[in-house]
Amino acid sequence: MELLLDPITVNSRKVLAGFKLIGADYTIKKIDYFQGKQKSPEYVAINPNASLPTLRDEDFILWESNAILQYAADKVGNVKAYPTDLRSRADVNRWLLWESSAWFPSCYTYLVENCVKPLLGDIADPKVLEAEKENFNKLASILDGRLSQTKYLCGDEPTIADVVVAAPMHLHSWAELPLNDHVHLVKWMTEEIEKNTWWIETSISESDFK
C-alpha cells in the first residue's frame, strides 16, 4: 500500500501511527503540504478534496484517514486493532466518527492559532481561543470520563480509535490545549499513547516545522 501524505499534517501522522499499530506494510510518496502540492492537478485527480492523506492500493484509491485505517486493519486482519465483534467494532467506529466530526475541529482551532499562525508570522487570536474553550472542555470531559474507566478508549489494548483520537492532540504542549482539568486524558496521552513504539516511531515535534 502506498500512502500519499506529508507527515507534518495531523491526518498523515494519524495514518502513519495507525499503520505501525496495525502492522501494515506501506511506502510513502510525500506530498509537500506547505508548498501546496496537495492542490496540484495531478493530486486532485485522485483526491478531489485536495487533502492529505490518500491511500493507493494497486488500482484502488481511498481518502479519509479514518477509512484508510479501517481498510488497512481489515486487509491485514488485525482484529486487535480493529475488532470484528459487532459491539466492539461499533464502539471503535463511534470514536472514529466522533473524532472527525467533533474532536478534530476543536483541537484544530488550537493548532491553527498557537502553531500555524506563528509559523506564518501571525499571532493567535485570543477571542477565537476563548470561544472554543467551552466546547473543547466538554469534548475533553467525554474522553476523560471514558478513560477513567479503561486503560485505552475501547478496553485494555490499543485500537485504531486510540490512534485517531490521539492524533489531533499530538502537539498538545505547543498547541496549548487546555488539558489541566482532564487528568485521565492527560495520563492516557502521556503514559500510554506517547510511550508506545508505534507512536514514538512516527512522532514529530515543534522543531520539524521550522
N, C-alpha and C. Protein backbone atom coordinates (compact mmCIF):
# COMPACT_ATOMS: atom_id res chain seq x y z
N MET A 1 0.84 -1.19 0.00
CA MET A 1 0.00 0.00 0.00
C MET A 1 0.88 1.24 0.00
N GLU A 2 0.51 2.19 -0.85
CA GLU A 2 1.24 3.44 -0.94
C GLU A 2 0.44 4.55 -0.26
N LEU A 3 1.12 5.32 0.58
CA LEU A 3 0.49 6.44 1.27
C LEU A 3 1.02 7.73 0.68
N LEU A 4 0.13 8.55 0.17
CA LEU A 4 0.48 9.87 -0.33
C LEU A 4 0.14 10.86 0.77
N LEU A 5 1.16 11.45 1.35
CA LEU A 5 0.95 12.26 2.55
C LEU A 5 2.13 13.17 2.82
N ASP A 6 1.97 13.98 3.85
CA ASP A 6 3.07 14.75 4.43
C ASP A 6 3.01 14.51 5.93
N PRO A 7 4.04 13.88 6.52
CA PRO A 7 3.98 13.51 7.94
C PRO A 7 3.72 14.67 8.88
N ILE A 8 3.82 15.89 8.37
CA ILE A 8 3.66 17.06 9.23
C ILE A 8 2.19 17.37 9.52
N THR A 9 1.28 16.79 8.73
CA THR A 9 -0.14 17.07 8.95
C THR A 9 -0.74 16.06 9.94
N VAL A 10 -1.78 16.50 10.61
CA VAL A 10 -2.40 15.67 11.65
C VAL A 10 -2.87 14.33 11.09
N ASN A 11 -3.60 14.36 10.00
CA ASN A 11 -4.18 13.13 9.49
C ASN A 11 -3.16 12.22 8.82
N SER A 12 -2.08 12.80 8.31
CA SER A 12 -0.98 11.97 7.80
C SER A 12 -0.30 11.27 8.96
N ARG A 13 -0.06 12.01 10.02
CA ARG A 13 0.56 11.44 11.22
C ARG A 13 -0.33 10.32 11.79
N LYS A 14 -1.61 10.55 11.77
CA LYS A 14 -2.57 9.56 12.24
C LYS A 14 -2.42 8.24 11.49
N VAL A 15 -2.37 8.34 10.18
CA VAL A 15 -2.30 7.14 9.35
C VAL A 15 -0.97 6.41 9.54
N LEU A 16 0.11 7.15 9.64
CA LEU A 16 1.42 6.51 9.85
C LEU A 16 1.45 5.75 11.17
N ALA A 17 0.99 6.39 12.25
CA ALA A 17 0.97 5.72 13.55
C ALA A 17 0.02 4.53 13.52
N GLY A 18 -1.12 4.70 12.84
CA GLY A 18 -2.08 3.61 12.75
C GLY A 18 -1.54 2.42 11.97
N PHE A 19 -0.82 2.67 10.89
CA PHE A 19 -0.24 1.57 10.13
C PHE A 19 0.81 0.83 10.96
N LYS A 20 1.55 1.56 11.79
CA LYS A 20 2.52 0.91 12.68
C LYS A 20 1.80 0.03 13.70
N LEU A 21 0.73 0.54 14.28
CA LEU A 21 -0.04 -0.25 15.24
C LEU A 21 -0.63 -1.49 14.56
N ILE A 22 -1.18 -1.31 13.38
CA ILE A 22 -1.82 -2.40 12.66
C ILE A 22 -0.80 -3.44 12.21
N GLY A 23 0.41 -2.98 11.87
CA GLY A 23 1.41 -3.87 11.31
C GLY A 23 1.28 -3.99 9.80
N ALA A 24 0.81 -2.92 9.16
CA ALA A 24 0.61 -2.92 7.71
C ALA A 24 1.86 -2.39 7.01
N ASP A 25 2.25 -3.05 5.95
CA ASP A 25 3.38 -2.59 5.14
C ASP A 25 2.93 -1.43 4.25
N TYR A 26 3.82 -0.48 4.05
CA TYR A 26 3.47 0.68 3.23
C TYR A 26 4.72 1.35 2.68
N THR A 27 4.51 2.11 1.63
CA THR A 27 5.52 3.02 1.12
C THR A 27 4.92 4.42 1.17
N ILE A 28 5.80 5.42 1.13
CA ILE A 28 5.35 6.81 1.23
C ILE A 28 5.73 7.59 -0.02
N LYS A 29 4.79 8.34 -0.53
CA LYS A 29 5.07 9.36 -1.53
C LYS A 29 4.73 10.69 -0.89
N LYS A 30 5.74 11.50 -0.62
CA LYS A 30 5.50 12.76 0.09
C LYS A 30 4.85 13.78 -0.83
N ILE A 31 3.77 14.38 -0.31
CA ILE A 31 3.08 15.47 -0.97
C ILE A 31 3.27 16.69 -0.06
N ASP A 32 4.14 17.60 -0.44
CA ASP A 32 4.54 18.70 0.45
C ASP A 32 3.37 19.64 0.73
N TYR A 33 2.93 19.64 1.98
CA TYR A 33 1.76 20.41 2.37
C TYR A 33 2.01 21.91 2.31
N PHE A 34 3.14 22.36 2.85
CA PHE A 34 3.41 23.79 2.91
C PHE A 34 3.71 24.39 1.54
N GLN A 35 4.07 23.54 0.58
CA GLN A 35 4.24 24.02 -0.79
C GLN A 35 2.95 23.88 -1.61
N GLY A 36 1.90 23.40 -0.96
CA GLY A 36 0.60 23.31 -1.61
C GLY A 36 0.50 22.23 -2.67
N LYS A 37 1.35 21.21 -2.58
CA LYS A 37 1.34 20.16 -3.61
C LYS A 37 0.04 19.35 -3.61
N GLN A 38 -0.69 19.38 -2.49
CA GLN A 38 -1.97 18.66 -2.43
C GLN A 38 -3.04 19.34 -3.31
N LYS A 39 -2.73 20.54 -3.80
CA LYS A 39 -3.65 21.26 -4.68
C LYS A 39 -3.30 21.11 -6.16
N SER A 40 -2.24 20.36 -6.44
CA SER A 40 -1.82 20.20 -7.82
C SER A 40 -2.86 19.40 -8.61
N PRO A 41 -2.98 19.64 -9.90
CA PRO A 41 -3.96 18.90 -10.71
C PRO A 41 -3.76 17.39 -10.63
N GLU A 42 -2.49 16.95 -10.57
CA GLU A 42 -2.20 15.52 -10.51
C GLU A 42 -2.75 14.89 -9.24
N TYR A 43 -2.59 15.61 -8.13
CA TYR A 43 -3.07 15.06 -6.86
C TYR A 43 -4.59 15.16 -6.76
N VAL A 44 -5.15 16.28 -7.16
CA VAL A 44 -6.60 16.46 -7.09
C VAL A 44 -7.33 15.45 -7.97
N ALA A 45 -6.65 14.96 -8.98
CA ALA A 45 -7.26 13.95 -9.85
C ALA A 45 -7.54 12.65 -9.10
N ILE A 46 -6.77 12.38 -8.03
CA ILE A 46 -7.02 11.17 -7.25
C ILE A 46 -7.69 11.47 -5.91
N ASN A 47 -7.56 12.70 -5.42
CA ASN A 47 -8.25 13.11 -4.20
C ASN A 47 -8.87 14.48 -4.44
N PRO A 48 -10.13 14.53 -4.83
CA PRO A 48 -10.77 15.80 -5.19
C PRO A 48 -10.91 16.78 -4.04
N ASN A 49 -10.68 16.30 -2.81
CA ASN A 49 -10.72 17.19 -1.65
C ASN A 49 -9.47 18.03 -1.52
N ALA A 50 -8.41 17.67 -2.25
CA ALA A 50 -7.11 18.34 -2.14
C ALA A 50 -6.62 18.30 -0.70
N SER A 51 -6.83 17.16 -0.04
CA SER A 51 -6.43 16.99 1.35
C SER A 51 -5.54 15.76 1.48
N LEU A 52 -4.85 15.69 2.58
CA LEU A 52 -3.94 14.59 2.87
C LEU A 52 -4.46 13.80 4.07
N PRO A 53 -4.24 12.47 4.05
CA PRO A 53 -3.53 11.63 3.09
C PRO A 53 -4.48 10.95 2.10
N THR A 54 -3.86 10.20 1.18
CA THR A 54 -4.59 9.32 0.28
C THR A 54 -3.86 7.98 0.26
N LEU A 55 -4.62 6.90 0.18
CA LEU A 55 -4.04 5.57 0.04
C LEU A 55 -4.25 5.08 -1.39
N ARG A 56 -3.20 4.46 -1.93
CA ARG A 56 -3.31 3.82 -3.24
C ARG A 56 -2.88 2.37 -3.07
N ASP A 57 -3.80 1.46 -3.33
CA ASP A 57 -3.51 0.03 -3.23
C ASP A 57 -3.81 -0.59 -4.59
N GLU A 58 -2.76 -0.68 -5.41
CA GLU A 58 -2.90 -1.08 -6.81
C GLU A 58 -3.85 -0.12 -7.51
N ASP A 59 -5.01 -0.58 -7.98
CA ASP A 59 -5.91 0.32 -8.70
C ASP A 59 -7.00 0.91 -7.80
N PHE A 60 -6.86 0.71 -6.48
CA PHE A 60 -7.86 1.20 -5.54
C PHE A 60 -7.34 2.46 -4.85
N ILE A 61 -8.12 3.52 -4.90
CA ILE A 61 -7.78 4.79 -4.27
C ILE A 61 -8.75 5.05 -3.13
N LEU A 62 -8.21 5.45 -1.98
CA LEU A 62 -9.06 5.72 -0.82
C LEU A 62 -8.57 6.95 -0.10
N TRP A 63 -9.46 7.89 0.14
CA TRP A 63 -9.14 9.02 1.00
C TRP A 63 -10.07 9.03 2.21
N GLU A 64 -9.77 9.91 3.15
CA GLU A 64 -10.31 9.97 4.51
C GLU A 64 -9.47 9.06 5.41
N SER A 65 -8.74 9.71 6.32
CA SER A 65 -7.75 9.00 7.13
C SER A 65 -8.34 7.87 7.96
N ASN A 66 -9.52 8.07 8.52
CA ASN A 66 -10.11 7.01 9.35
C ASN A 66 -10.54 5.81 8.51
N ALA A 67 -11.06 6.08 7.32
CA ALA A 67 -11.42 4.99 6.40
C ALA A 67 -10.18 4.22 5.96
N ILE A 68 -9.08 4.93 5.78
CA ILE A 68 -7.81 4.29 5.40
C ILE A 68 -7.38 3.30 6.48
N LEU A 69 -7.50 3.71 7.75
CA LEU A 69 -7.11 2.82 8.85
C LEU A 69 -8.04 1.62 8.94
N GLN A 70 -9.32 1.81 8.74
CA GLN A 70 -10.26 0.70 8.75
C GLN A 70 -9.91 -0.31 7.65
N TYR A 71 -9.63 0.21 6.47
CA TYR A 71 -9.30 -0.64 5.33
C TYR A 71 -8.02 -1.43 5.60
N ALA A 72 -6.99 -0.73 6.09
CA ALA A 72 -5.70 -1.39 6.32
C ALA A 72 -5.81 -2.47 7.39
N ALA A 73 -6.53 -2.19 8.47
CA ALA A 73 -6.69 -3.17 9.54
C ALA A 73 -7.41 -4.42 9.04
N ASP A 74 -8.45 -4.22 8.24
CA ASP A 74 -9.17 -5.36 7.68
C ASP A 74 -8.30 -6.12 6.67
N LYS A 75 -7.53 -5.38 5.89
CA LYS A 75 -6.70 -6.04 4.88
C LYS A 75 -5.67 -6.97 5.50
N VAL A 76 -5.03 -6.53 6.59
CA VAL A 76 -4.00 -7.37 7.22
C VAL A 76 -4.60 -8.29 8.27
N GLY A 77 -5.88 -8.11 8.59
CA GLY A 77 -6.56 -8.99 9.54
C GLY A 77 -6.20 -8.75 10.98
N ASN A 78 -5.92 -7.49 11.35
CA ASN A 78 -5.57 -7.19 12.74
C ASN A 78 -6.85 -6.92 13.52
N VAL A 79 -7.37 -7.96 14.17
CA VAL A 79 -8.64 -7.83 14.88
C VAL A 79 -8.47 -7.26 16.29
N LYS A 80 -7.22 -7.11 16.73
CA LYS A 80 -7.00 -6.41 18.00
C LYS A 80 -7.09 -4.90 17.78
N ALA A 81 -6.50 -4.44 16.70
CA ALA A 81 -6.53 -3.01 16.40
C ALA A 81 -7.90 -2.56 15.91
N TYR A 82 -8.64 -3.48 15.26
CA TYR A 82 -9.96 -3.15 14.75
C TYR A 82 -10.84 -4.40 14.87
N PRO A 83 -11.46 -4.58 16.03
CA PRO A 83 -12.21 -5.81 16.32
C PRO A 83 -13.32 -6.08 15.32
N THR A 84 -13.63 -7.35 15.14
CA THR A 84 -14.71 -7.75 14.25
C THR A 84 -16.00 -8.07 15.00
N ASP A 85 -15.91 -8.28 16.32
CA ASP A 85 -17.12 -8.46 17.12
C ASP A 85 -18.03 -7.24 16.93
N LEU A 86 -19.31 -7.46 16.75
CA LEU A 86 -20.24 -6.40 16.38
C LEU A 86 -20.18 -5.20 17.32
N ARG A 87 -20.31 -5.44 18.61
CA ARG A 87 -20.37 -4.32 19.55
C ARG A 87 -19.01 -3.66 19.74
N SER A 88 -17.96 -4.46 19.74
CA SER A 88 -16.61 -3.91 19.89
C SER A 88 -16.28 -3.01 18.69
N ARG A 89 -16.63 -3.48 17.49
CA ARG A 89 -16.36 -2.67 16.30
C ARG A 89 -17.21 -1.40 16.31
N ALA A 90 -18.44 -1.50 16.74
CA ALA A 90 -19.30 -0.32 16.81
C ALA A 90 -18.73 0.71 17.78
N ASP A 91 -18.15 0.24 18.86
CA ASP A 91 -17.53 1.14 19.83
C ASP A 91 -16.36 1.88 19.20
N VAL A 92 -15.50 1.15 18.50
CA VAL A 92 -14.37 1.78 17.80
C VAL A 92 -14.88 2.77 16.76
N ASN A 93 -15.86 2.35 15.97
CA ASN A 93 -16.40 3.23 14.93
C ASN A 93 -17.00 4.49 15.52
N ARG A 94 -17.61 4.37 16.69
CA ARG A 94 -18.18 5.53 17.37
C ARG A 94 -17.13 6.62 17.57
N TRP A 95 -15.94 6.20 18.06
CA TRP A 95 -14.88 7.18 18.32
C TRP A 95 -14.28 7.73 17.04
N LEU A 96 -14.23 6.91 16.00
CA LEU A 96 -13.72 7.39 14.72
C LEU A 96 -14.63 8.49 14.14
N LEU A 97 -15.92 8.27 14.23
CA LEU A 97 -16.88 9.26 13.72
C LEU A 97 -16.87 10.52 14.58
N TRP A 98 -16.79 10.33 15.88
CA TRP A 98 -16.77 11.46 16.82
C TRP A 98 -15.53 12.31 16.63
N GLU A 99 -14.40 11.65 16.41
CA GLU A 99 -13.17 12.41 16.19
C GLU A 99 -13.26 13.30 14.97
N SER A 100 -13.74 12.76 13.88
CA SER A 100 -13.78 13.53 12.64
C SER A 100 -14.81 14.67 12.69
N SER A 101 -15.91 14.45 13.40
CA SER A 101 -16.98 15.46 13.41
C SER A 101 -16.84 16.48 14.54
N ALA A 102 -16.22 16.11 15.66
CA ALA A 102 -16.20 16.99 16.83
C ALA A 102 -14.80 17.26 17.38
N TRP A 103 -14.06 16.20 17.66
CA TRP A 103 -12.77 16.35 18.35
C TRP A 103 -11.71 17.02 17.49
N PHE A 104 -11.55 16.55 16.26
CA PHE A 104 -10.55 17.14 15.39
C PHE A 104 -10.78 18.64 15.18
N PRO A 105 -12.01 19.08 14.83
CA PRO A 105 -12.21 20.51 14.62
C PRO A 105 -11.87 21.35 15.85
N SER A 106 -12.17 20.84 17.03
CA SER A 106 -11.88 21.59 18.24
C SER A 106 -10.37 21.70 18.48
N CYS A 107 -9.68 20.57 18.41
CA CYS A 107 -8.22 20.59 18.58
C CYS A 107 -7.55 21.43 17.50
N TYR A 108 -8.11 21.39 16.31
CA TYR A 108 -7.50 22.09 15.18
C TYR A 108 -7.53 23.61 15.38
N THR A 109 -8.54 24.10 16.09
CA THR A 109 -8.60 25.52 16.41
C THR A 109 -7.34 25.95 17.16
N TYR A 110 -6.95 25.16 18.16
CA TYR A 110 -5.75 25.48 18.94
C TYR A 110 -4.48 25.31 18.12
N LEU A 111 -4.47 24.30 17.27
CA LEU A 111 -3.31 24.06 16.41
C LEU A 111 -3.08 25.24 15.46
N VAL A 112 -4.15 25.71 14.86
CA VAL A 112 -4.04 26.83 13.92
C VAL A 112 -3.60 28.10 14.65
N GLU A 113 -4.26 28.40 15.75
CA GLU A 113 -3.98 29.65 16.45
C GLU A 113 -2.60 29.68 17.10
N ASN A 114 -2.21 28.59 17.75
CA ASN A 114 -0.97 28.60 18.53
C ASN A 114 0.24 28.04 17.81
N CYS A 115 0.02 27.33 16.71
CA CYS A 115 1.15 26.73 15.98
C CYS A 115 1.29 27.29 14.57
N VAL A 116 0.22 27.17 13.79
CA VAL A 116 0.31 27.56 12.38
C VAL A 116 0.46 29.06 12.21
N LYS A 117 -0.35 29.84 12.89
CA LYS A 117 -0.27 31.29 12.74
C LYS A 117 1.12 31.84 13.07
N PRO A 118 1.72 31.46 14.21
CA PRO A 118 3.08 31.95 14.48
C PRO A 118 4.09 31.53 13.41
N LEU A 119 3.94 30.35 12.86
CA LEU A 119 4.85 29.90 11.79
C LEU A 119 4.75 30.81 10.57
N LEU A 120 3.56 31.36 10.35
CA LEU A 120 3.33 32.22 9.19
C LEU A 120 3.52 33.69 9.51
N GLY A 121 4.06 33.97 10.70
CA GLY A 121 4.34 35.34 11.08
C GLY A 121 3.15 36.09 11.64
N ASP A 122 2.09 35.38 11.99
CA ASP A 122 0.89 35.97 12.56
C ASP A 122 0.85 35.67 14.05
N ILE A 123 -0.16 36.11 14.74
CA ILE A 123 -0.31 35.84 16.17
C ILE A 123 -1.68 35.23 16.43
N ALA A 124 -1.77 34.48 17.52
CA ALA A 124 -3.03 33.84 17.89
C ALA A 124 -4.08 34.89 18.24
N ASP A 125 -5.31 34.58 17.92
CA ASP A 125 -6.44 35.46 18.25
C ASP A 125 -7.07 34.95 19.55
N PRO A 126 -6.90 35.66 20.65
CA PRO A 126 -7.44 35.19 21.94
C PRO A 126 -8.95 35.04 21.93
N LYS A 127 -9.65 35.80 21.11
CA LYS A 127 -11.11 35.69 21.03
C LYS A 127 -11.52 34.35 20.43
N VAL A 128 -10.77 33.89 19.44
CA VAL A 128 -11.06 32.59 18.82
C VAL A 128 -10.83 31.47 19.82
N LEU A 129 -9.72 31.55 20.56
CA LEU A 129 -9.40 30.53 21.55
C LEU A 129 -10.41 30.51 22.68
N GLU A 130 -10.82 31.67 23.13
CA GLU A 130 -11.79 31.75 24.21
C GLU A 130 -13.15 31.20 23.77
N ALA A 131 -13.50 31.47 22.53
CA ALA A 131 -14.78 30.99 22.01
C ALA A 131 -14.83 29.47 21.91
N GLU A 132 -13.68 28.84 21.71
CA GLU A 132 -13.63 27.38 21.56
C GLU A 132 -13.46 26.66 22.89
N LYS A 133 -13.04 27.36 23.92
CA LYS A 133 -12.64 26.71 25.18
C LYS A 133 -13.76 25.88 25.80
N GLU A 134 -14.97 26.39 25.83
CA GLU A 134 -16.07 25.65 26.45
C GLU A 134 -16.34 24.34 25.70
N ASN A 135 -16.36 24.42 24.38
CA ASN A 135 -16.60 23.22 23.58
C ASN A 135 -15.47 22.20 23.76
N PHE A 136 -14.23 22.69 23.75
CA PHE A 136 -13.10 21.77 23.94
C PHE A 136 -13.21 21.05 25.27
N ASN A 137 -13.50 21.77 26.33
CA ASN A 137 -13.59 21.15 27.65
C ASN A 137 -14.74 20.17 27.75
N LYS A 138 -15.84 20.45 27.04
CA LYS A 138 -16.95 19.50 27.00
C LYS A 138 -16.49 18.19 26.36
N LEU A 139 -15.82 18.30 25.22
CA LEU A 139 -15.36 17.12 24.50
C LEU A 139 -14.29 16.38 25.28
N ALA A 140 -13.35 17.13 25.84
CA ALA A 140 -12.28 16.51 26.63
C ALA A 140 -12.84 15.80 27.85
N SER A 141 -13.92 16.32 28.41
CA SER A 141 -14.56 15.67 29.57
C SER A 141 -15.17 14.33 29.18
N ILE A 142 -15.67 14.23 27.96
CA ILE A 142 -16.20 12.96 27.48
C ILE A 142 -15.09 11.91 27.43
N LEU A 143 -13.95 12.31 26.89
CA LEU A 143 -12.80 11.41 26.85
C LEU A 143 -12.31 11.08 28.25
N ASP A 144 -12.24 12.09 29.09
CA ASP A 144 -11.75 11.90 30.46
C ASP A 144 -12.63 10.90 31.21
N GLY A 145 -13.94 11.01 31.01
CA GLY A 145 -14.85 10.08 31.67
C GLY A 145 -14.64 8.65 31.21
N ARG A 146 -14.49 8.45 29.90
CA ARG A 146 -14.25 7.11 29.39
C ARG A 146 -12.92 6.56 29.91
N LEU A 147 -11.89 7.40 29.89
CA LEU A 147 -10.55 6.94 30.27
C LEU A 147 -10.37 6.81 31.78
N SER A 148 -11.36 7.24 32.54
CA SER A 148 -11.32 6.99 33.99
C SER A 148 -11.73 5.55 34.28
N GLN A 149 -12.29 4.87 33.27
CA GLN A 149 -12.80 3.51 33.44
C GLN A 149 -11.95 2.47 32.71
N THR A 150 -11.23 2.87 31.68
CA THR A 150 -10.47 1.92 30.87
C THR A 150 -9.08 2.45 30.58
N LYS A 151 -8.14 1.54 30.34
CA LYS A 151 -6.76 1.93 30.02
C LYS A 151 -6.69 2.62 28.68
N TYR A 152 -7.36 2.05 27.70
CA TYR A 152 -7.47 2.64 26.37
C TYR A 152 -8.94 2.91 26.10
N LEU A 153 -9.23 3.58 25.01
CA LEU A 153 -10.61 4.00 24.77
C LEU A 153 -11.59 2.85 24.70
N CYS A 154 -11.15 1.71 24.18
CA CYS A 154 -12.06 0.59 23.98
C CYS A 154 -11.63 -0.66 24.73
N GLY A 155 -10.91 -0.48 25.83
CA GLY A 155 -10.52 -1.63 26.64
C GLY A 155 -9.07 -1.59 27.07
N ASP A 156 -8.50 -2.77 27.27
CA ASP A 156 -7.14 -2.88 27.81
C ASP A 156 -6.05 -2.84 26.74
N GLU A 157 -6.44 -2.90 25.48
CA GLU A 157 -5.47 -2.88 24.39
C GLU A 157 -5.77 -1.72 23.44
N PRO A 158 -4.74 -1.14 22.84
CA PRO A 158 -4.98 -0.03 21.92
C PRO A 158 -5.64 -0.48 20.63
N THR A 159 -6.51 0.34 20.12
CA THR A 159 -7.15 0.10 18.83
C THR A 159 -6.93 1.33 17.95
N ILE A 160 -7.42 1.26 16.73
CA ILE A 160 -7.27 2.43 15.87
C ILE A 160 -8.05 3.63 16.42
N ALA A 161 -9.00 3.40 17.32
CA ALA A 161 -9.71 4.51 17.97
C ALA A 161 -8.74 5.37 18.77
N ASP A 162 -7.78 4.73 19.44
CA ASP A 162 -6.81 5.48 20.23
C ASP A 162 -5.91 6.33 19.34
N VAL A 163 -5.47 5.75 18.24
CA VAL A 163 -4.62 6.48 17.30
C VAL A 163 -5.37 7.69 16.76
N VAL A 164 -6.60 7.47 16.35
CA VAL A 164 -7.41 8.50 15.73
C VAL A 164 -7.66 9.67 16.68
N VAL A 165 -8.00 9.36 17.92
CA VAL A 165 -8.31 10.42 18.89
C VAL A 165 -7.04 11.11 19.38
N ALA A 166 -5.94 10.40 19.45
CA ALA A 166 -4.68 11.00 19.90
C ALA A 166 -4.08 11.93 18.86
N ALA A 167 -4.29 11.62 17.59
CA ALA A 167 -3.62 12.37 16.52
C ALA A 167 -3.85 13.88 16.57
N PRO A 168 -5.08 14.37 16.76
CA PRO A 168 -5.26 15.82 16.82
C PRO A 168 -4.59 16.48 18.03
N MET A 169 -4.20 15.64 19.02
CA MET A 169 -3.54 16.14 20.23
C MET A 169 -2.02 16.03 20.15
N HIS A 170 -1.48 15.58 19.03
CA HIS A 170 -0.08 15.15 19.02
C HIS A 170 0.91 16.26 19.33
N LEU A 171 0.49 17.52 19.16
CA LEU A 171 1.34 18.66 19.53
C LEU A 171 0.69 19.42 20.69
N HIS A 172 0.16 18.67 21.64
CA HIS A 172 -0.68 19.27 22.68
C HIS A 172 0.00 20.37 23.48
N SER A 173 1.30 20.22 23.74
CA SER A 173 2.00 21.26 24.51
C SER A 173 2.16 22.53 23.69
N TRP A 174 2.62 22.38 22.47
CA TRP A 174 2.81 23.53 21.59
C TRP A 174 1.47 24.19 21.26
N ALA A 175 0.46 23.39 21.03
CA ALA A 175 -0.87 23.93 20.71
C ALA A 175 -1.56 24.52 21.93
N GLU A 176 -1.01 24.27 23.11
CA GLU A 176 -1.55 24.79 24.36
C GLU A 176 -3.00 24.35 24.58
N LEU A 177 -3.23 23.06 24.36
CA LEU A 177 -4.56 22.53 24.64
C LEU A 177 -4.85 22.66 26.14
N PRO A 178 -6.03 23.13 26.51
CA PRO A 178 -6.36 23.31 27.93
C PRO A 178 -6.73 21.99 28.60
N LEU A 179 -5.72 21.24 29.00
CA LEU A 179 -5.92 19.88 29.49
C LEU A 179 -5.84 19.75 31.01
N ASN A 180 -5.61 20.83 31.73
CA ASN A 180 -5.35 20.73 33.16
C ASN A 180 -6.46 20.06 33.96
N ASP A 181 -7.69 20.19 33.51
CA ASP A 181 -8.82 19.63 34.27
C ASP A 181 -9.17 18.21 33.84
N HIS A 182 -8.34 17.60 32.99
CA HIS A 182 -8.68 16.30 32.41
C HIS A 182 -7.54 15.31 32.68
N VAL A 183 -7.44 14.89 33.92
CA VAL A 183 -6.26 14.13 34.37
C VAL A 183 -6.17 12.76 33.71
N HIS A 184 -7.30 12.12 33.49
CA HIS A 184 -7.28 10.79 32.88
C HIS A 184 -6.89 10.87 31.41
N LEU A 185 -7.34 11.90 30.76
CA LEU A 185 -6.98 12.12 29.35
C LEU A 185 -5.48 12.39 29.22
N VAL A 186 -4.96 13.21 30.12
CA VAL A 186 -3.52 13.51 30.11
C VAL A 186 -2.71 12.25 30.39
N LYS A 187 -3.14 11.46 31.36
CA LYS A 187 -2.44 10.23 31.70
C LYS A 187 -2.43 9.27 30.51
N TRP A 188 -3.57 9.12 29.85
CA TRP A 188 -3.65 8.26 28.66
C TRP A 188 -2.69 8.72 27.58
N MET A 189 -2.66 10.03 27.34
CA MET A 189 -1.83 10.56 26.27
C MET A 189 -0.35 10.42 26.59
N THR A 190 0.03 10.78 27.79
CA THR A 190 1.46 10.85 28.14
C THR A 190 2.04 9.52 28.62
N GLU A 191 1.22 8.69 29.25
CA GLU A 191 1.75 7.45 29.82
C GLU A 191 1.40 6.21 29.00
N GLU A 192 0.42 6.31 28.13
CA GLU A 192 0.06 5.17 27.30
C GLU A 192 0.41 5.45 25.83
N ILE A 193 -0.23 6.42 25.23
CA ILE A 193 -0.02 6.69 23.80
C ILE A 193 1.43 7.04 23.50
N GLU A 194 1.96 8.03 24.17
CA GLU A 194 3.29 8.55 23.83
C GLU A 194 4.44 7.62 24.21
N LYS A 195 4.14 6.53 24.89
CA LYS A 195 5.18 5.55 25.24
C LYS A 195 5.11 4.29 24.39
N ASN A 196 4.17 4.25 23.47
CA ASN A 196 4.06 3.11 22.56
C ASN A 196 5.00 3.28 21.38
N THR A 197 5.60 2.19 20.93
CA THR A 197 6.58 2.28 19.84
C THR A 197 5.94 2.79 18.56
N TRP A 198 4.69 2.41 18.30
CA TRP A 198 4.04 2.86 17.07
C TRP A 198 3.82 4.36 17.07
N TRP A 199 3.76 4.97 18.22
CA TRP A 199 3.64 6.42 18.31
C TRP A 199 5.02 7.08 18.22
N ILE A 200 5.96 6.54 18.99
CA ILE A 200 7.32 7.09 19.03
C ILE A 200 7.96 7.08 17.64
N GLU A 201 7.81 5.98 16.92
CA GLU A 201 8.45 5.83 15.61
C GLU A 201 7.89 6.77 14.56
N THR A 202 6.74 7.36 14.81
CA THR A 202 6.13 8.26 13.83
C THR A 202 5.98 9.68 14.38
N SER A 203 6.66 9.96 15.48
CA SER A 203 6.47 11.24 16.16
C SER A 203 7.15 12.39 15.42
N ILE A 204 6.56 13.55 15.56
CA ILE A 204 7.16 14.78 15.09
C ILE A 204 7.07 15.79 16.23
N SER A 205 7.87 16.84 16.15
CA SER A 205 7.91 17.84 17.20
C SER A 205 7.84 19.24 16.59
N GLU A 206 7.82 20.22 17.46
CA GLU A 206 7.76 21.61 17.02
C GLU A 206 8.91 21.94 16.07
N SER A 207 10.08 21.36 16.34
CA SER A 207 11.26 21.66 15.53
C SER A 207 11.12 21.19 14.08
N ASP A 208 10.27 20.17 13.85
CA ASP A 208 10.07 19.66 12.49
C ASP A 208 9.37 20.67 11.58
N PHE A 209 8.75 21.67 12.18
CA PHE A 209 8.02 22.65 11.40
C PHE A 209 8.88 23.86 11.03
N LYS A 210 10.10 23.89 11.54
CA LYS A 210 10.94 25.09 11.37
C LYS A 210 12.13 24.84 10.47
